[in-house]
């Protein structure tokens, strides 16, 4: 693999030390020597302790609960490399923070466009991410964006670890996820179903938003006219696999599992790329009818796994390694968008 004499340097922020270590091991190079910390005034300080002049720099950083600090670390790292005359700067950001803020609601802003502009203007030459919340987010960047697919790692995991996957039905958590569910259904050669309606957690969020908009508590006293959850498709006597991109708050997935169980599913698996698992999500999952939650390590969640034995992790470092290697050697990235590659 590459080493320092080849002109590649891998730097990492503080967001995901374990993934950084795995990627460096697969590449066969040590992590670049950097010191990143918050000083006494809470400002982010970055010190790169080796030369990056005329080097191909790859920066690994992802979005975590400390998202604003993650973003500032990334931007300052990019800028430090740019002002140190790095030959190229590729940002490897498996989970792109603020990606869910991609549309205007009332007087809000499209925050992800701001993040994209900051990454562009700070000096990045390319971005590598995974399962963007919406694939159209690539259009917010003026530099190339490689949107890798976690399904080519998750689907083999399902085949190897779920013995009765052939008796499964892929369930889209909502109509927006239907394209992703269809892809899983085709690759696993099984049926598909879709959940329609509004989850209680979404109704609460809408009610709170309306209350904030009017400044009146009376809004909460008027029940919202939202359709109840309904299932299009048959899961009776089947195992259900609910798919989504991001698993953050768990209550919606628990409601989906309860609905599927009431319709005859004997097991319910939840599959997602980014396991944020915020707040009490691990405890909620542990005490629910969900059989297992399968996510990748785009986001660190070791503490969450300690609170629930139902959470399983699929390692993505092999896929990231191959992406970095191909970019460094100026090879085609097309093969990384095909399913079931041995990485």
C-alpha atoms as a PDB file:
ATOM      1  CA  UNK A   1       0.000   0.000   0.000  1.00  0.00           C
ATOM      2  CA  UNK A   2       0.963   3.640   0.147  1.00  0.00           C
ATOM      3  CA  UNK A   3       3.532   5.112   2.512  1.00  0.00           C
ATOM      4  CA  UNK A   4       4.985   8.558   3.113  1.00  0.00           C
ATOM      5  CA  UNK A   5       7.412   8.241   0.203  1.00  0.00           C
ATOM      6  CA  UNK A   6       4.426   7.813  -2.122  1.00  0.00           C
ATOM      7  CA  UNK A   7       3.090  11.243  -1.224  1.00  0.00           C
ATOM      8  CA  UNK A   8      -0.025  10.179   0.742  1.00  0.00           C
ATOM      9  CA  UNK A   9      -0.798  11.480   4.213  1.00  0.00           C
ATOM     10  CA  UNK A  10      -3.839  10.509   6.283  1.00  0.00           C
ATOM     11  CA  UNK A  11      -4.986  13.011   8.895  1.00  0.00           C
ATOM     12  CA  UNK A  12      -7.917  12.595  11.266  1.00  0.00           C
ATOM     13  CA  UNK A  13     -10.017  14.760  13.506  1.00  0.00           C
ATOM     14  CA  UNK A  14     -11.183  13.707  16.962  1.00  0.00           C
ATOM     15  CA  UNK A  15     -14.636  12.528  15.870  1.00  0.00           C
ATOM     16  CA  UNK A  16     -13.935   8.818  15.267  1.00  0.00           C
ATOM     17  CA  UNK A  17     -10.512   7.570  16.486  1.00  0.00           C
ATOM     18  CA  UNK A  18     -11.380   3.886  16.005  1.00  0.00           C
ATOM     19  CA  UNK A  19     -12.374   4.277  12.345  1.00  0.00           C
ATOM     20  CA  UNK A  20      -9.262   6.383  11.759  1.00  0.00           C
ATOM     21  CA  UNK A  21      -7.101   3.613  13.216  1.00  0.00           C
ATOM     22  CA  UNK A  22      -8.811   0.927  11.106  1.00  0.00           C
ATOM     23  CA  UNK A  23      -8.410   2.968   7.921  1.00  0.00           C
ATOM     24  CA  UNK A  24      -4.726   3.656   8.594  1.00  0.00           C
ATOM     25  CA  UNK A  25      -4.089  -0.053   9.250  1.00  0.00           C
ATOM     26  CA  UNK A  26      -5.777  -1.063   6.000  1.00  0.00           C
ATOM     27  CA  UNK A  27      -3.839   1.551   4.041  1.00  0.00           C
ATOM     28  CA  UNK A  28      -0.600   0.408   5.643  1.00  0.00           C
ATOM     29  CA  UNK A  29       0.434   3.896   6.756  1.00  0.00           C
ATOM     30  CA  UNK A  30       0.537   5.624  10.160  1.00  0.00           C
ATOM     31  CA  UNK A  31      -1.860   8.411  10.956  1.00  0.00           C
ATOM     32  CA  UNK A  32      -0.410  11.857  10.419  1.00  0.00           C
ATOM     33  CA  UNK A  33       0.851  13.561  13.545  1.00  0.00           C
ATOM     34  CA  UNK A  34      -1.724  16.180  14.499  1.00  0.00           C
ATOM     35  CA  UNK A  35      -2.782  17.818  17.730  1.00  0.00           C
ATOM     36  CA  UNK A  36      -6.364  19.077  17.858  1.00  0.00           C
ATOM     37  CA  UNK A  37      -7.883  20.524  21.012  1.00  0.00           C
ATOM     38  CA  UNK A  38     -10.119  23.256  22.404  1.00  0.00           C
ATOM     39  CA  UNK A  39      -8.131  25.942  24.194  1.00  0.00           C
ATOM     40  CA  UNK A  40      -9.196  27.820  27.322  1.00  0.00           C
ATOM     41  CA  UNK A  41     -11.491  30.103  25.332  1.00  0.00           C
ATOM     42  CA  UNK A  42     -13.147  27.028  23.706  1.00  0.00           C
ATOM     43  CA  UNK A  43     -11.646  27.856  20.320  1.00  0.00           C
ATOM     44  CA  UNK A  44     -10.528  24.878  18.213  1.00  0.00           C
ATOM     45  CA  UNK A  45      -6.765  24.700  17.731  1.00  0.00           C
ATOM     46  CA  UNK A  46      -5.119  22.503  15.078  1.00  0.00           C
ATOM     47  CA  UNK A  47      -1.392  21.801  14.873  1.00  0.00           C
ATOM     48  CA  UNK A  48      -0.075  19.548  12.078  1.00  0.00           C
ATOM     49  CA  UNK A  49       3.367  18.419  13.212  1.00  0.00           C
ATOM     50  CA  UNK A  50       4.747  17.282   9.861  1.00  0.00           C
ATOM     51  CA  UNK A  51       5.057  18.700   6.393  1.00  0.00           C
ATOM     52  CA  UNK A  52       2.174  18.265   3.959  1.00  0.00           C
ATOM     53  CA  UNK A  53       3.823  20.315   1.202  1.00  0.00           C
ATOM     54  CA  UNK A  54       3.080  18.781  -2.231  1.00  0.00           C
ATOM     55  CA  UNK A  55       1.394  15.787  -0.567  1.00  0.00           C
ATOM     56  CA  UNK A  56      -1.952  14.158  -1.319  1.00  0.00           C
ATOM     57  CA  UNK A  57      -3.765  14.688   1.979  1.00  0.00           C
ATOM     58  CA  UNK A  58      -6.800  12.650   3.058  1.00  0.00           C
ATOM     59  CA  UNK A  59      -8.714  13.971   6.068  1.00  0.00           C
ATOM     60  CA  UNK A  60     -11.072  11.633   7.944  1.00  0.00           C
ATOM     61  CA  UNK A  61     -13.786  13.281   9.994  1.00  0.00           C
ATOM     62  CA  UNK A  62     -17.420  12.380  10.590  1.00  0.00           C
ATOM     63  CA  UNK A  63     -20.460  13.880  12.269  1.00  0.00           C
ATOM     64  CA  UNK A  64     -21.132  12.940  15.917  1.00  0.00           C
ATOM     65  CA  UNK A  65     -23.150  14.377  18.795  1.00  0.00           C
ATOM     66  CA  UNK A  66     -20.458  17.060  19.105  1.00  0.00           C
ATOM     67  CA  UNK A  67     -21.320  18.106  15.573  1.00  0.00           C
ATOM     68  CA  UNK A  68     -20.344  21.788  15.621  1.00  0.00           C
ATOM     69  CA  UNK A  69     -16.916  20.987  17.022  1.00  0.00           C
ATOM     70  CA  UNK A  70     -16.533  18.249  14.385  1.00  0.00           C
ATOM     71  CA  UNK A  71     -17.278  20.739  11.616  1.00  0.00           C
ATOM     72  CA  UNK A  72     -14.809  23.349  12.926  1.00  0.00           C
ATOM     73  CA  UNK A  73     -12.065  20.733  13.339  1.00  0.00           C
ATOM     74  CA  UNK A  74     -12.589  19.653   9.736  1.00  0.00           C
ATOM     75  CA  UNK A  75     -12.594  23.171   8.313  1.00  0.00           C
ATOM     76  CA  UNK A  76      -9.460  24.217  10.205  1.00  0.00           C
ATOM     77  CA  UNK A  77      -7.679  21.003   9.179  1.00  0.00           C
ATOM     78  CA  UNK A  78      -8.539  21.653   5.518  1.00  0.00           C
ATOM     79  CA  UNK A  79      -7.422  25.265   5.756  1.00  0.00           C
ATOM     80  CA  UNK A  80      -4.172  24.339   7.527  1.00  0.00           C
ATOM     81  CA  UNK A  81      -3.340  21.878   4.731  1.00  0.00           C
ATOM     82  CA  UNK A  82      -4.249  24.415   2.057  1.00  0.00           C
ATOM     83  CA  UNK A  83      -2.040  27.145   3.548  1.00  0.00           C
ATOM     84  CA  UNK A  84       0.754  24.563   3.896  1.00  0.00           C
ATOM     85  CA  UNK A  85       0.531  24.005   0.097  1.00  0.00           C
ATOM     86  CA  UNK A  86      -0.749  20.427   0.061  1.00  0.00           C
ATOM     87  CA  UNK A  87      -1.021  19.114  -3.494  1.00  0.00           C
ATOM     88  CA  UNK A  88      -4.609  17.900  -3.006  1.00  0.00           C
ATOM     89  CA  UNK A  89      -7.041  17.622  -0.105  1.00  0.00           C
ATOM     90  CA  UNK A  90      -9.679  14.893  -0.049  1.00  0.00           C
ATOM     91  CA  UNK A  91     -12.243  14.948   2.756  1.00  0.00           C
ATOM     92  CA  UNK A  92     -13.489  11.520   3.871  1.00  0.00           C
ATOM     93  CA  UNK A  93     -16.658  12.226   5.842  1.00  0.00           C
ATOM     94  CA  UNK A  94     -18.761   9.042   6.153  1.00  0.00           C
ATOM     95  CA  UNK A  95     -21.683  10.815   7.850  1.00  0.00           C
ATOM     96  CA  UNK A  96     -22.188  14.338   6.527  1.00  0.00           C
ATOM     97  CA  UNK A  97     -23.488  16.531   9.371  1.00  0.00           C
ATOM     98  CA  UNK A  98     -26.468  18.825   8.786  1.00  0.00           C
ATOM     99  CA  UNK A  99     -27.483  16.681   5.795  1.00  0.00           C
ATOM    100  CA  UNK A 100     -31.074  16.407   7.070  1.00  0.00           C
ATOM    101  CA  UNK A 101     -31.408  20.201   6.871  1.00  0.00           C
ATOM    102  CA  UNK A 102     -31.675  20.131   3.093  1.00  0.00           C
ATOM    103  CA  UNK A 103     -34.989  21.919   2.559  1.00  0.00           C
ATOM    104  CA  UNK A 104     -36.566  25.187   3.638  1.00  0.00           C
ATOM    105  CA  UNK A 105     -39.233  24.933   6.338  1.00  0.00           C
ATOM    106  CA  UNK A 106     -40.990  28.218   7.101  1.00  0.00           C
ATOM    107  CA  UNK A 107     -38.203  30.746   7.725  1.00  0.00           C
ATOM    108  CA  UNK A 108     -35.394  28.225   8.215  1.00  0.00           C
ATOM    109  CA  UNK A 109     -32.349  27.854   5.968  1.00  0.00           C
ATOM    110  CA  UNK A 110     -30.754  25.029   3.992  1.00  0.00           C
ATOM    111  CA  UNK A 111     -27.917  24.495   6.452  1.00  0.00           C
ATOM    112  CA  UNK A 112     -26.244  21.733   4.432  1.00  0.00           C
ATOM    113  CA  UNK A 113     -25.633  24.242   1.600  1.00  0.00           C
ATOM    114  CA  UNK A 114     -23.659  26.358   4.055  1.00  0.00           C
ATOM    115  CA  UNK A 115     -21.589  23.324   5.125  1.00  0.00           C
ATOM    116  CA  UNK A 116     -20.939  22.420   1.479  1.00  0.00           C
ATOM    117  CA  UNK A 117     -19.827  25.989   0.684  1.00  0.00           C
ATOM    118  CA  UNK A 118     -17.500  26.053   3.695  1.00  0.00           C
ATOM    119  CA  UNK A 119     -15.838  22.768   2.684  1.00  0.00           C
ATOM    120  CA  UNK A 120     -15.488  24.025  -0.904  1.00  0.00           C
ATOM    121  CA  UNK A 121     -14.106  27.472  -0.071  1.00  0.00           C
ATOM    122  CA  UNK A 122     -11.761  26.267   2.669  1.00  0.00           C
ATOM    123  CA  UNK A 123      -9.743  24.297   0.139  1.00  0.00           C
ATOM    124  CA  UNK A 124     -11.043  20.728  -0.255  1.00  0.00           C
ATOM    125  CA  UNK A 125     -10.612  19.184  -3.712  1.00  0.00           C
ATOM    126  CA  UNK A 126     -12.911  16.182  -3.276  1.00  0.00           C
ATOM    127  CA  UNK A 127     -15.394  14.685  -0.813  1.00  0.00           C
ATOM    128  CA  UNK A 128     -16.025  11.022  -0.053  1.00  0.00           C
ATOM    129  CA  UNK A 129     -19.198  10.267   1.922  1.00  0.00           C
ATOM    130  CA  UNK A 130     -21.588   7.374   2.409  1.00  0.00           C
ATOM    131  CA  UNK A 131     -25.355   7.110   1.870  1.00  0.00           C
ATOM    132  CA  UNK A 132     -26.132  10.816   1.853  1.00  0.00           C
ATOM    133  CA  UNK A 133     -29.534  11.652   3.309  1.00  0.00           C
ATOM    134  CA  UNK A 134     -30.554  12.688  -0.212  1.00  0.00           C
ATOM    135  CA  UNK A 135     -28.349  11.892  -3.184  1.00  0.00           C
ATOM    136  CA  UNK A 136     -29.217  15.319  -4.598  1.00  0.00           C
ATOM    137  CA  UNK A 137     -27.002  16.822  -1.859  1.00  0.00           C
ATOM    138  CA  UNK A 138     -24.060  16.224  -4.197  1.00  0.00           C
ATOM    139  CA  UNK A 139     -25.345  19.178  -6.201  1.00  0.00           C
ATOM    140  CA  UNK A 140     -24.650  21.565  -3.305  1.00  0.00           C
ATOM    141  CA  UNK A 141     -20.899  21.049  -3.773  1.00  0.00           C
ATOM    142  CA  UNK A 142     -18.803  22.576  -6.559  1.00  0.00           C
ATOM    143  CA  UNK A 143     -16.199  19.798  -6.169  1.00  0.00           C
ATOM    144  CA  UNK A 144     -16.549  16.050  -6.933  1.00  0.00           C
ATOM    145  CA  UNK A 145     -18.517  14.045  -4.340  1.00  0.00           C
ATOM    146  CA  UNK A 146     -18.333  10.241  -4.158  1.00  0.00           C
ATOM    147  CA  UNK A 147     -21.451   8.916  -2.410  1.00  0.00           C
ATOM    148  CA  UNK A 148     -20.496   5.352  -1.436  1.00  0.00           C
ATOM    149  CA  UNK A 149     -23.137   2.704  -0.739  1.00  0.00           C
ATOM    150  CA  UNK A 150     -23.184   0.819   2.550  1.00  0.00           C
ATOM    151  CA  UNK A 151     -25.573  -1.773   1.102  1.00  0.00           C
ATOM    152  CA  UNK A 152     -22.733  -3.674  -0.545  1.00  0.00           C
ATOM    153  CA  UNK A 153     -21.419  -4.398   2.957  1.00  0.00           C
ATOM    154  CA  UNK A 154     -24.725  -4.714   4.805  1.00  0.00           C
ATOM    155  CA  UNK A 155     -26.340  -7.170   2.374  1.00  0.00           C
ATOM    156  CA  UNK A 156     -23.505  -9.746   2.674  1.00  0.00           C
ATOM    157  CA  UNK A 157     -23.722  -9.297   6.469  1.00  0.00           C
ATOM    158  CA  UNK A 158     -27.439 -10.104   6.354  1.00  0.00           C
ATOM    159  CA  UNK A 159     -26.796 -13.204   4.239  1.00  0.00           C
ATOM    160  CA  UNK A 160     -24.070 -14.442   6.564  1.00  0.00           C
ATOM    161  CA  UNK A 161     -25.716 -13.691   9.901  1.00  0.00           C
ATOM    162  CA  UNK A 162     -29.483 -14.025   9.381  1.00  0.00           C
ATOM    163  CA  UNK A 163     -30.205 -17.635   8.483  1.00  0.00           C
ATOM    164  CA  UNK A 164     -33.821 -17.098   7.388  1.00  0.00           C
ATOM    165  CA  UNK A 165     -33.278 -13.952   5.315  1.00  0.00           C
ATOM    166  CA  UNK A 166     -34.870 -15.673   2.299  1.00  0.00           C
ATOM    167  CA  UNK A 167     -38.179 -15.555   4.175  1.00  0.00           C
ATOM    168  CA  UNK A 168     -37.878 -11.785   4.666  1.00  0.00           C
ATOM    169  CA  UNK A 169     -39.887  -8.796   3.490  1.00  0.00           C
ATOM    170  CA  UNK A 170     -38.041  -5.508   3.097  1.00  0.00           C
ATOM    171  CA  UNK A 171     -40.057  -2.689   4.678  1.00  0.00           C
ATOM    172  CA  UNK A 172     -39.629   0.969   3.817  1.00  0.00           C
ATOM    173  CA  UNK A 173     -40.082   2.948   7.038  1.00  0.00           C
ATOM    174  CA  UNK A 174     -41.849   5.622   4.990  1.00  0.00           C
ATOM    175  CA  UNK A 175     -42.432   6.290   1.276  1.00  0.00           C
ATOM    176  CA  UNK A 176     -39.286   8.452   1.085  1.00  0.00           C
ATOM    177  CA  UNK A 177     -37.146   5.361   1.748  1.00  0.00           C
ATOM    178  CA  UNK A 178     -38.841   3.276  -0.948  1.00  0.00           C
ATOM    179  CA  UNK A 179     -35.958   3.501  -3.483  1.00  0.00           C
ATOM    180  CA  UNK A 180     -33.518   2.196  -0.862  1.00  0.00           C
ATOM    181  CA  UNK A 181     -35.939  -0.563   0.171  1.00  0.00           C
ATOM    182  CA  UNK A 182     -36.409  -1.541  -3.467  1.00  0.00           C
ATOM    183  CA  UNK A 183     -32.650  -1.896  -3.900  1.00  0.00           C
ATOM    184  CA  UNK A 184     -32.407  -4.171  -0.851  1.00  0.00           C
ATOM    185  CA  UNK A 185     -35.385  -6.190  -2.064  1.00  0.00           C
ATOM    186  CA  UNK A 186     -33.816  -6.759  -5.479  1.00  0.00           C
ATOM    187  CA  UNK A 187     -30.439  -7.784  -4.065  1.00  0.00           C
ATOM    188  CA  UNK A 188     -31.907 -10.132  -1.456  1.00  0.00           C
ATOM    189  CA  UNK A 189     -34.598 -11.392  -3.867  1.00  0.00           C
ATOM    190  CA  UNK A 190     -37.465 -10.969  -1.426  1.00  0.00           C
ATOM    191  CA  UNK A 191     -40.729  -9.052  -1.142  1.00  0.00           C
ATOM    192  CA  UNK A 192     -41.279  -5.427  -0.248  1.00  0.00           C
ATOM    193  CA  UNK A 193     -43.752  -3.433   1.863  1.00  0.00           C
ATOM    194  CA  UNK A 194     -44.208   0.240   2.745  1.00  0.00           C
ATOM    195  CA  UNK A 195     -45.410   1.940   5.918  1.00  0.00           C
ATOM    196  CA  UNK A 196     -47.624   4.996   5.355  1.00  0.00           C
ATOM    197  CA  UNK A 197     -48.869   7.508   7.902  1.00  0.00           C
ATOM    198  CA  UNK A 198     -47.394   9.662  10.648  1.00  0.00           C
ATOM    199  CA  UNK A 199     -45.441   8.329  13.622  1.00  0.00           C
ATOM    200  CA  UNK A 200     -46.257   9.687  17.073  1.00  0.00           C
ATOM    201  CA  UNK A 201     -42.752  11.152  17.434  1.00  0.00           C
ATOM    202  CA  UNK A 202     -43.291  13.062  14.187  1.00  0.00           C
ATOM    203  CA  UNK A 203     -46.692  14.315  15.377  1.00  0.00           C
ATOM    204  CA  UNK A 204     -45.063  15.597  18.573  1.00  0.00           C
ATOM    205  CA  UNK A 205     -42.358  17.355  16.560  1.00  0.00           C
ATOM    206  CA  UNK A 206     -44.943  18.959  14.278  1.00  0.00           C
ATOM    207  CA  UNK A 207     -47.000  20.086  17.268  1.00  0.00           C
ATOM    208  CA  UNK A 208     -43.954  21.598  18.955  1.00  0.00           C
ATOM    209  CA  UNK A 209     -42.973  23.353  15.746  1.00  0.00           C
ATOM    210  CA  UNK A 210     -46.462  24.801  15.386  1.00  0.00           C
ATOM    211  CA  UNK A 211     -46.407  25.940  19.006  1.00  0.00           C
ATOM    212  CA  UNK A 212     -43.066  27.668  18.520  1.00  0.00           C
ATOM    213  CA  UNK A 213     -44.351  29.294  15.338  1.00  0.00           C
ATOM    214  CA  UNK A 214     -47.410  30.842  16.964  1.00  0.00           C
ATOM    215  CA  UNK A 215     -46.005  31.292  20.451  1.00  0.00           C
ATOM    216  CA  UNK A 216     -49.224  29.886  21.838  1.00  0.00           C
ATOM    217  CA  UNK A 217     -49.761  26.785  23.922  1.00  0.00           C
ATOM    218  CA  UNK A 218     -53.261  26.502  22.510  1.00  0.00           C
ATOM    219  CA  UNK A 219     -51.870  24.784  19.414  1.00  0.00           C
ATOM    220  CA  UNK A 220     -51.024  21.735  21.497  1.00  0.00           C
ATOM    221  CA  UNK A 221     -54.617  21.512  22.645  1.00  0.00           C
ATOM    222  CA  UNK A 222     -55.896  20.965  19.112  1.00  0.00           C
ATOM    223  CA  UNK A 223     -55.274  17.434  17.844  1.00  0.00           C
ATOM    224  CA  UNK A 224     -53.436  17.343  14.537  1.00  0.00           C
ATOM    225  CA  UNK A 225     -55.298  15.654  11.704  1.00  0.00           C
ATOM    226  CA  UNK A 226     -52.622  13.142  10.715  1.00  0.00           C
ATOM    227  CA  UNK A 227     -53.213   9.699   9.208  1.00  0.00           C
ATOM    228  CA  UNK A 228     -52.487   6.666  11.426  1.00  0.00           C
ATOM    229  CA  UNK A 229     -49.802   4.187  10.464  1.00  0.00           C
ATOM    230  CA  UNK A 230     -50.800   1.666   7.835  1.00  0.00           C
ATOM    231  CA  UNK A 231     -48.933  -1.057   5.990  1.00  0.00           C
ATOM    232  CA  UNK A 232     -49.042  -1.687   2.256  1.00  0.00           C
ATOM    233  CA  UNK A 233     -47.832  -5.241   1.721  1.00  0.00           C
ATOM    234  CA  UNK A 234     -48.034  -8.630   3.441  1.00  0.00           C
ATOM    235  CA  UNK A 235     -45.650  -9.592   6.259  1.00  0.00           C
ATOM    236  CA  UNK A 236     -47.728 -12.387   7.787  1.00  0.00           C
ATOM    237  CA  UNK A 237     -45.484 -15.324   8.659  1.00  0.00           C
ATOM    238  CA  UNK A 238     -42.459 -13.399   7.408  1.00  0.00           C
ATOM    239  CA  UNK A 239     -39.394 -11.790   8.883  1.00  0.00           C
ATOM    240  CA  UNK A 240     -39.451  -7.999   8.390  1.00  0.00           C
ATOM    241  CA  UNK A 241     -36.344  -5.923   7.666  1.00  0.00           C
ATOM    242  CA  UNK A 242     -37.021  -2.206   8.119  1.00  0.00           C
ATOM    243  CA  UNK A 243     -34.548  -0.018   6.215  1.00  0.00           C
ATOM    244  CA  UNK A 244     -33.595   3.638   6.559  1.00  0.00           C
ATOM    245  CA  UNK A 245     -30.495   5.798   6.141  1.00  0.00           C
ATOM    246  CA  UNK A 246     -30.235   7.275   9.636  1.00  0.00           C
ATOM    247  CA  UNK A 247     -31.217   5.693  12.952  1.00  0.00           C
ATOM    248  CA  UNK A 248     -31.316   8.507  15.471  1.00  0.00           C
ATOM    249  CA  UNK A 249     -34.295   8.546  17.827  1.00  0.00           C
ATOM    250  CA  UNK A 250     -35.621   5.006  18.205  1.00  0.00           C
ATOM    251  CA  UNK A 251     -39.315   5.556  18.949  1.00  0.00           C
ATOM    252  CA  UNK A 252     -40.415   5.653  15.299  1.00  0.00           C
ATOM    253  CA  UNK A 253     -38.665   2.338  14.611  1.00  0.00           C
ATOM    254  CA  UNK A 254     -40.303   0.791  17.678  1.00  0.00           C
ATOM    255  CA  UNK A 255     -43.723   1.884  16.392  1.00  0.00           C
ATOM    256  CA  UNK A 256     -42.901   0.383  13.005  1.00  0.00           C
ATOM    257  CA  UNK A 257     -41.850  -2.889  14.680  1.00  0.00           C
ATOM    258  CA  UNK A 258     -45.043  -3.024  16.738  1.00  0.00           C
ATOM    259  CA  UNK A 259     -47.133  -2.469  13.608  1.00  0.00           C
ATOM    260  CA  UNK A 260     -45.306  -5.231  11.753  1.00  0.00           C
ATOM    261  CA  UNK A 261     -45.648  -7.633  14.666  1.00  0.00           C
ATOM    262  CA  UNK A 262     -49.386  -6.924  14.803  1.00  0.00           C
ATOM    263  CA  UNK A 263     -49.578  -7.816  11.097  1.00  0.00           C
ATOM    264  CA  UNK A 264     -47.954 -11.211  11.642  1.00  0.00           C
ATOM    265  CA  UNK A 265     -44.194 -10.683  11.302  1.00  0.00           C
ATOM    266  CA  UNK A 266     -42.330 -13.059  13.604  1.00  0.00           C
ATOM    267  CA  UNK A 267     -39.078 -11.063  13.681  1.00  0.00           C
ATOM    268  CA  UNK A 268     -38.263  -7.427  12.982  1.00  0.00           C
ATOM    269  CA  UNK A 269     -34.770  -6.270  12.047  1.00  0.00           C
ATOM    270  CA  UNK A 270     -33.885  -2.599  11.597  1.00  0.00           C
ATOM    271  CA  UNK A 271     -31.122  -1.762   9.120  1.00  0.00           C
ATOM    272  CA  UNK A 272     -29.527   1.651   8.665  1.00  0.00           C
ATOM    273  CA  UNK A 273     -26.250   3.177   7.572  1.00  0.00           C
ATOM    274  CA  UNK A 274     -25.701   5.839  10.219  1.00  0.00           C
ATOM    275  CA  UNK A 275     -26.330   4.745  13.814  1.00  0.00           C
ATOM    276  CA  UNK A 276     -26.548   8.034  15.704  1.00  0.00           C
ATOM    277  CA  UNK A 277     -28.731   6.408  18.392  1.00  0.00           C
ATOM    278  CA  UNK A 278     -29.222   9.624  20.342  1.00  0.00           C
ATOM    279  CA  UNK A 279     -30.540   9.991  23.873  1.00  0.00           C
ATOM    280  CA  UNK A 280     -32.322   6.946  25.276  1.00  0.00           C
ATOM    281  CA  UNK A 281     -32.409   5.159  21.920  1.00  0.00           C
ATOM    282  CA  UNK A 282     -30.355   2.141  23.109  1.00  0.00           C
ATOM    283  CA  UNK A 283     -32.626   1.558  26.124  1.00  0.00           C
ATOM    284  CA  UNK A 284     -35.745   1.988  23.995  1.00  0.00           C
ATOM    285  CA  UNK A 285     -34.415  -0.538  21.468  1.00  0.00           C
ATOM    286  CA  UNK A 286     -33.433  -2.981  24.207  1.00  0.00           C
ATOM    287  CA  UNK A 287     -36.945  -2.971  25.682  1.00  0.00           C
ATOM    288  CA  UNK A 288     -38.770  -3.094  22.344  1.00  0.00           C
ATOM    289  CA  UNK A 289     -40.035  -5.835  20.034  1.00  0.00           C
ATOM    290  CA  UNK A 290     -37.141  -5.168  17.631  1.00  0.00           C
ATOM    291  CA  UNK A 291     -35.026  -8.289  17.185  1.00  0.00           C
ATOM    292  CA  UNK A 292     -31.822  -6.560  16.108  1.00  0.00           C
ATOM    293  CA  UNK A 293     -30.512  -3.226  14.826  1.00  0.00           C
ATOM    294  CA  UNK A 294     -27.780  -3.372  12.167  1.00  0.00           C
ATOM    295  CA  UNK A 295     -25.758  -0.220  11.459  1.00  0.00           C
ATOM    296  CA  UNK A 296     -22.309   0.652  10.139  1.00  0.00           C
ATOM    297  CA  UNK A 297     -19.490   2.397  11.975  1.00  0.00           C
ATOM    298  CA  UNK A 298     -19.775   5.675  10.043  1.00  0.00           C
ATOM    299  CA  UNK A 299     -20.530   7.149  13.476  1.00  0.00           C
ATOM    300  CA  UNK A 300     -18.992   5.903  16.760  1.00  0.00           C
ATOM    301  CA  UNK A 301     -21.557   4.137  18.945  1.00  0.00           C
ATOM    302  CA  UNK A 302     -19.572   1.925  21.321  1.00  0.00           C
ATOM    303  CA  UNK A 303     -21.266   3.425  24.384  1.00  0.00           C
ATOM    304  CA  UNK A 304     -24.693   2.810  22.874  1.00  0.00           C
ATOM    305  CA  UNK A 305     -23.810  -0.842  22.231  1.00  0.00           C
ATOM    306  CA  UNK A 306     -22.980  -1.247  25.900  1.00  0.00           C
ATOM    307  CA  UNK A 307     -26.579  -0.300  26.711  1.00  0.00           C
ATOM    308  CA  UNK A 308     -28.187  -2.705  24.240  1.00  0.00           C
ATOM    309  CA  UNK A 309     -27.114  -6.149  23.092  1.00  0.00           C
ATOM    310  CA  UNK A 310     -29.397  -5.817  20.042  1.00  0.00           C
ATOM    311  CA  UNK A 311     -27.099  -3.372  18.199  1.00  0.00           C
ATOM    312  CA  UNK A 312     -24.756  -4.887  15.597  1.00  0.00           C
ATOM    313  CA  UNK A 313     -22.034  -3.065  13.635  1.00  0.00           C
ATOM    314  CA  UNK A 314     -20.791  -3.555  10.066  1.00  0.00           C
ATOM    315  CA  UNK A 315     -17.259  -2.244   9.456  1.00  0.00           C
ATOM    316  CA  UNK A 316     -16.882   0.146   6.490  1.00  0.00           C
ATOM    317  CA  UNK A 317     -13.117   0.716   6.733  1.00  0.00           C
ATOM    318  CA  UNK A 318     -12.414  -1.697   3.866  1.00  0.00           C
ATOM    319  CA  UNK A 319     -14.653   0.256   1.500  1.00  0.00           C
ATOM    320  CA  UNK A 320     -13.155   3.588   2.573  1.00  0.00           C
ATOM    321  CA  UNK A 321      -9.656   2.170   2.130  1.00  0.00           C
ATOM    322  CA  UNK A 322     -10.400   1.107  -1.435  1.00  0.00           C
ATOM    323  CA  UNK A 323     -11.906   4.525  -2.199  1.00  0.00           C
ATOM    324  CA  UNK A 324      -8.828   6.317  -0.835  1.00  0.00           C
ATOM    325  CA  UNK A 325      -6.466   3.989  -2.729  1.00  0.00           C
ATOM    326  CA  UNK A 326      -8.304   4.525  -6.027  1.00  0.00           C
ATOM    327  CA  UNK A 327      -8.415   8.301  -5.635  1.00  0.00           C
ATOM    328  CA  UNK A 328      -4.709   8.408  -4.787  1.00  0.00           C
ATOM    329  CA  UNK A 329      -3.761   6.290  -7.815  1.00  0.00           C
ATOM    330  CA  UNK A 330      -6.243   8.144 -10.052  1.00  0.00           C
ATOM    331  CA  UNK A 331      -8.192   4.953 -10.796  1.00  0.00           C
ATOM    332  CA  UNK A 332     -11.863   4.602 -11.691  1.00  0.00           C
ATOM    333  CA  UNK A 333     -14.300   4.689  -8.778  1.00  0.00           C
ATOM    334  CA  UNK A 334     -17.038   2.896 -10.740  1.00  0.00           C
ATOM    335  CA  UNK A 335     -16.357  -0.517  -9.252  1.00  0.00           C
ATOM    336  CA  UNK A 336     -17.154   0.838  -5.763  1.00  0.00           C
ATOM    337  CA  UNK A 337     -20.740   1.472  -6.819  1.00  0.00           C
ATOM    338  CA  UNK A 338     -21.349  -2.155  -7.734  1.00  0.00           C
ATOM    339  CA  UNK A 339     -22.722  -4.622  -5.222  1.00  0.00           C
ATOM    340  CA  UNK A 340     -20.891  -7.420  -3.396  1.00  0.00           C
ATOM    341  CA  UNK A 341     -17.281  -6.494  -3.999  1.00  0.00           C
ATOM    342  CA  UNK A 342     -14.781  -8.301  -1.791  1.00  0.00           C
ATOM    343  CA  UNK A 343     -13.153  -5.455   0.125  1.00  0.00           C
END
